Amino acid sequence: MSTIDAEVEVLRVQGSINAEPILAALRANGIPARTRGEALGSVYGLTLDGLGEVAILIPAEHEVAARELLAAGDRHELEIAEEENPEG
């Protein structure tokens, strides 16, 4: 794997349902992200001893920005802005 294609794991969460908002936040901030998870956990819904654990992976060149974004989320500094309605 070349440095351009290198991925880093920035977080592990329990289950894909917990991964989805994190993926959405990363992607909304221009950071490509994907998950890698335990197949048995996702098929059977197990969360025992690491089953159901999902790793969030990003390209290595986005690691600093992703970690800063995740840290801001942990500090509750992120908010969802409502879109302005041009019609009033």
N, C-alpha and C. Protein backbone atom coordinates (compact mmCIF):
# COMPACT_ATOMS: atom_id res chain seq x y z
N MET A 1 0.86 -1.18 0.00
CA MET A 1 0.00 0.00 0.00
C MET A 1 0.90 1.23 0.00
N SER A 2 0.68 2.14 -0.93
CA SER A 2 1.49 3.36 -0.99
C SER A 2 1.03 4.36 0.06
N THR A 3 1.84 5.39 0.27
CA THR A 3 1.47 6.40 1.27
C THR A 3 0.19 7.11 0.87
N ILE A 4 -0.05 7.25 -0.42
CA ILE A 4 -1.26 7.92 -0.88
C ILE A 4 -2.48 7.09 -0.49
N ASP A 5 -2.37 5.77 -0.57
CA ASP A 5 -3.49 4.89 -0.27
C ASP A 5 -3.55 4.49 1.20
N ALA A 6 -2.60 4.90 2.02
CA ALA A 6 -2.56 4.47 3.42
C ALA A 6 -3.76 5.01 4.19
N GLU A 7 -4.32 4.14 5.01
CA GLU A 7 -5.45 4.53 5.86
C GLU A 7 -5.03 4.41 7.32
N VAL A 8 -5.67 5.22 8.15
CA VAL A 8 -5.45 5.13 9.58
C VAL A 8 -6.80 4.99 10.28
N GLU A 9 -6.76 4.29 11.38
CA GLU A 9 -7.95 4.14 12.20
C GLU A 9 -7.97 5.29 13.19
N VAL A 10 -9.07 6.04 13.18
CA VAL A 10 -9.16 7.18 14.10
C VAL A 10 -10.08 6.93 15.28
N LEU A 11 -10.89 5.88 15.20
CA LEU A 11 -11.84 5.61 16.28
C LEU A 11 -12.42 4.21 16.13
N ARG A 12 -12.81 3.63 17.27
CA ARG A 12 -13.58 2.38 17.29
C ARG A 12 -14.84 2.62 18.08
N VAL A 13 -15.95 2.14 17.54
CA VAL A 13 -17.24 2.28 18.22
C VAL A 13 -17.96 0.94 18.21
N GLN A 14 -18.98 0.83 19.04
CA GLN A 14 -19.78 -0.38 19.07
C GLN A 14 -20.92 -0.27 18.07
N GLY A 15 -20.86 -1.06 17.03
CA GLY A 15 -21.95 -1.16 16.07
C GLY A 15 -21.96 -0.07 15.02
N SER A 16 -22.48 -0.43 13.86
CA SER A 16 -22.52 0.51 12.74
C SER A 16 -23.46 1.67 13.01
N ILE A 17 -24.46 1.46 13.85
CA ILE A 17 -25.38 2.56 14.16
C ILE A 17 -24.66 3.70 14.86
N ASN A 18 -23.65 3.39 15.65
CA ASN A 18 -22.85 4.43 16.31
C ASN A 18 -21.82 5.02 15.37
N ALA A 19 -21.46 4.30 14.34
CA ALA A 19 -20.47 4.79 13.38
C ALA A 19 -21.07 5.77 12.39
N GLU A 20 -22.34 5.61 12.06
CA GLU A 20 -22.95 6.43 11.01
C GLU A 20 -22.86 7.93 11.25
N PRO A 21 -23.20 8.46 12.44
CA PRO A 21 -23.09 9.91 12.62
C PRO A 21 -21.65 10.41 12.54
N ILE A 22 -20.70 9.58 12.94
CA ILE A 22 -19.29 9.96 12.88
C ILE A 22 -18.84 10.02 11.42
N LEU A 23 -19.23 9.01 10.65
CA LEU A 23 -18.92 9.02 9.22
C LEU A 23 -19.52 10.26 8.56
N ALA A 24 -20.77 10.57 8.89
CA ALA A 24 -21.44 11.72 8.30
C ALA A 24 -20.72 13.01 8.64
N ALA A 25 -20.28 13.17 9.88
CA ALA A 25 -19.57 14.39 10.29
C ALA A 25 -18.24 14.51 9.56
N LEU A 26 -17.51 13.42 9.46
CA LEU A 26 -16.22 13.45 8.77
C LEU A 26 -16.43 13.81 7.30
N ARG A 27 -17.36 13.13 6.67
CA ARG A 27 -17.61 13.36 5.24
C ARG A 27 -18.12 14.79 4.99
N ALA A 28 -18.96 15.30 5.88
CA ALA A 28 -19.48 16.67 5.73
C ALA A 28 -18.36 17.70 5.82
N ASN A 29 -17.25 17.32 6.43
CA ASN A 29 -16.11 18.22 6.55
C ASN A 29 -15.01 17.88 5.55
N GLY A 30 -15.38 17.15 4.50
CA GLY A 30 -14.45 16.88 3.41
C GLY A 30 -13.45 15.77 3.69
N ILE A 31 -13.72 14.95 4.70
CA ILE A 31 -12.80 13.87 5.05
C ILE A 31 -13.43 12.55 4.62
N PRO A 32 -12.87 11.89 3.61
CA PRO A 32 -13.42 10.59 3.20
C PRO A 32 -13.23 9.59 4.34
N ALA A 33 -14.26 8.83 4.61
CA ALA A 33 -14.19 7.87 5.72
C ALA A 33 -14.96 6.62 5.36
N ARG A 34 -14.52 5.51 5.94
CA ARG A 34 -15.22 4.23 5.75
C ARG A 34 -15.10 3.44 7.04
N THR A 35 -15.84 2.36 7.10
CA THR A 35 -15.78 1.51 8.29
C THR A 35 -15.21 0.15 7.93
N ARG A 36 -14.68 -0.50 8.95
CA ARG A 36 -14.27 -1.89 8.87
C ARG A 36 -14.76 -2.50 10.16
N GLY A 37 -15.54 -3.57 10.04
CA GLY A 37 -16.10 -4.15 11.24
C GLY A 37 -16.07 -5.65 11.25
N GLU A 38 -16.40 -6.18 12.37
CA GLU A 38 -16.47 -7.62 12.58
C GLU A 38 -17.72 -8.17 11.90
N ALA A 39 -17.55 -9.08 10.98
CA ALA A 39 -18.67 -9.62 10.20
C ALA A 39 -19.71 -10.31 11.08
N LEU A 40 -19.29 -11.13 12.02
CA LEU A 40 -20.26 -11.83 12.87
C LEU A 40 -21.10 -10.86 13.68
N GLY A 41 -20.48 -9.82 14.16
CA GLY A 41 -21.21 -8.83 14.94
C GLY A 41 -22.28 -8.15 14.12
N SER A 42 -21.96 -7.81 12.88
CA SER A 42 -22.95 -7.13 12.06
C SER A 42 -24.05 -8.08 11.59
N VAL A 43 -23.72 -9.34 11.37
CA VAL A 43 -24.73 -10.31 10.93
C VAL A 43 -25.67 -10.69 12.07
N TYR A 44 -25.11 -10.95 13.25
CA TYR A 44 -25.92 -11.43 14.37
C TYR A 44 -26.23 -10.36 15.41
N GLY A 45 -25.71 -9.16 15.24
CA GLY A 45 -25.98 -8.09 16.18
C GLY A 45 -25.28 -8.27 17.52
N LEU A 46 -24.16 -8.98 17.53
CA LEU A 46 -23.43 -9.24 18.76
C LEU A 46 -22.47 -8.11 19.08
N THR A 47 -22.32 -7.80 20.36
CA THR A 47 -21.36 -6.77 20.77
C THR A 47 -20.49 -7.28 21.91
N LEU A 48 -20.27 -8.58 21.96
CA LEU A 48 -19.52 -9.22 23.03
C LEU A 48 -18.05 -9.38 22.64
N ASP A 49 -17.15 -9.08 23.55
CA ASP A 49 -15.72 -9.32 23.32
C ASP A 49 -15.21 -8.81 21.97
N GLY A 50 -15.60 -7.61 21.62
CA GLY A 50 -15.12 -7.03 20.36
C GLY A 50 -15.99 -7.32 19.16
N LEU A 51 -16.91 -8.28 19.29
CA LEU A 51 -17.82 -8.53 18.17
C LEU A 51 -18.75 -7.33 18.06
N GLY A 52 -18.97 -6.87 16.87
CA GLY A 52 -19.81 -5.71 16.65
C GLY A 52 -19.03 -4.41 16.70
N GLU A 53 -17.75 -4.49 17.00
CA GLU A 53 -16.93 -3.30 17.03
C GLU A 53 -16.63 -2.84 15.60
N VAL A 54 -16.71 -1.55 15.38
CA VAL A 54 -16.50 -0.99 14.05
C VAL A 54 -15.36 0.01 14.12
N ALA A 55 -14.40 -0.13 13.22
CA ALA A 55 -13.28 0.81 13.13
C ALA A 55 -13.60 1.85 12.06
N ILE A 56 -13.31 3.11 12.35
CA ILE A 56 -13.50 4.18 11.39
C ILE A 56 -12.13 4.51 10.79
N LEU A 57 -12.05 4.37 9.47
CA LEU A 57 -10.80 4.54 8.75
C LEU A 57 -10.88 5.75 7.83
N ILE A 58 -9.77 6.46 7.74
CA ILE A 58 -9.67 7.61 6.85
C ILE A 58 -8.32 7.57 6.15
N PRO A 59 -8.18 8.28 5.03
CA PRO A 59 -6.86 8.38 4.40
C PRO A 59 -5.89 9.08 5.36
N ALA A 60 -4.67 8.61 5.40
CA ALA A 60 -3.67 9.12 6.35
C ALA A 60 -3.48 10.63 6.24
N GLU A 61 -3.60 11.17 5.05
CA GLU A 61 -3.36 12.61 4.90
C GLU A 61 -4.42 13.48 5.58
N HIS A 62 -5.54 12.87 6.00
CA HIS A 62 -6.61 13.61 6.68
C HIS A 62 -6.61 13.36 8.20
N GLU A 63 -5.61 12.66 8.70
CA GLU A 63 -5.63 12.26 10.11
C GLU A 63 -5.70 13.43 11.08
N VAL A 64 -4.89 14.45 10.89
CA VAL A 64 -4.87 15.58 11.82
C VAL A 64 -6.24 16.26 11.86
N ALA A 65 -6.79 16.55 10.69
CA ALA A 65 -8.09 17.22 10.63
C ALA A 65 -9.18 16.36 11.25
N ALA A 66 -9.15 15.05 11.00
CA ALA A 66 -10.16 14.15 11.55
C ALA A 66 -10.06 14.09 13.07
N ARG A 67 -8.86 13.99 13.59
CA ARG A 67 -8.70 13.93 15.05
C ARG A 67 -9.13 15.24 15.71
N GLU A 68 -8.86 16.38 15.06
CA GLU A 68 -9.31 17.66 15.59
C GLU A 68 -10.84 17.73 15.60
N LEU A 69 -11.46 17.26 14.54
CA LEU A 69 -12.92 17.25 14.45
C LEU A 69 -13.53 16.35 15.52
N LEU A 70 -12.96 15.16 15.69
CA LEU A 70 -13.47 14.24 16.71
C LEU A 70 -13.28 14.81 18.11
N ALA A 71 -12.17 15.48 18.35
CA ALA A 71 -11.92 16.09 19.66
C ALA A 71 -12.93 17.21 19.91
N ALA A 72 -13.23 18.01 18.89
CA ALA A 72 -14.23 19.07 19.03
C ALA A 72 -15.60 18.46 19.35
N GLY A 73 -15.92 17.34 18.74
CA GLY A 73 -17.17 16.65 19.04
C GLY A 73 -17.21 16.16 20.48
N ASP A 74 -16.10 15.63 20.97
CA ASP A 74 -16.03 15.18 22.37
C ASP A 74 -16.22 16.33 23.34
N ARG A 75 -15.79 17.52 22.93
CA ARG A 75 -15.93 18.71 23.79
C ARG A 75 -17.28 19.39 23.58
N HIS A 76 -18.14 18.80 22.76
CA HIS A 76 -19.47 19.34 22.44
C HIS A 76 -19.39 20.71 21.80
N GLU A 77 -18.38 20.89 20.95
CA GLU A 77 -18.19 22.17 20.27
C GLU A 77 -18.75 22.17 18.86
N LEU A 78 -19.32 21.07 18.43
CA LEU A 78 -19.89 21.00 17.09
C LEU A 78 -21.38 21.24 17.16
N GLU A 79 -21.90 21.92 16.17
CA GLU A 79 -23.34 22.10 16.11
C GLU A 79 -23.79 21.99 14.68
N ILE A 80 -25.03 21.64 14.51
CA ILE A 80 -25.60 21.52 13.17
C ILE A 80 -26.26 22.85 12.85
N ALA A 81 -25.80 23.48 11.80
CA ALA A 81 -26.36 24.77 11.40
C ALA A 81 -27.57 24.54 10.53
N GLU A 82 -28.62 25.31 10.78
CA GLU A 82 -29.79 25.22 9.93
C GLU A 82 -29.52 26.01 8.66
N GLU A 83 -30.00 25.47 7.55
CA GLU A 83 -29.83 26.18 6.29
C GLU A 83 -30.71 27.42 6.29
N GLU A 84 -30.16 28.49 5.77
CA GLU A 84 -30.94 29.71 5.68
C GLU A 84 -31.94 29.57 4.53
N ASN A 85 -33.14 30.03 4.78
CA ASN A 85 -34.17 30.00 3.77
C ASN A 85 -34.18 31.34 3.05
N PRO A 86 -33.79 31.38 1.76
CA PRO A 86 -33.70 32.64 1.04
C PRO A 86 -35.06 33.31 0.85
N GLU A 87 -36.14 32.56 1.01
CA GLU A 87 -37.47 33.12 0.81
C GLU A 87 -38.03 33.74 2.07
N GLY A 88 -37.33 33.69 3.14
CA GLY A 88 -37.82 34.38 4.31
C GLY A 88 -37.76 33.57 5.51
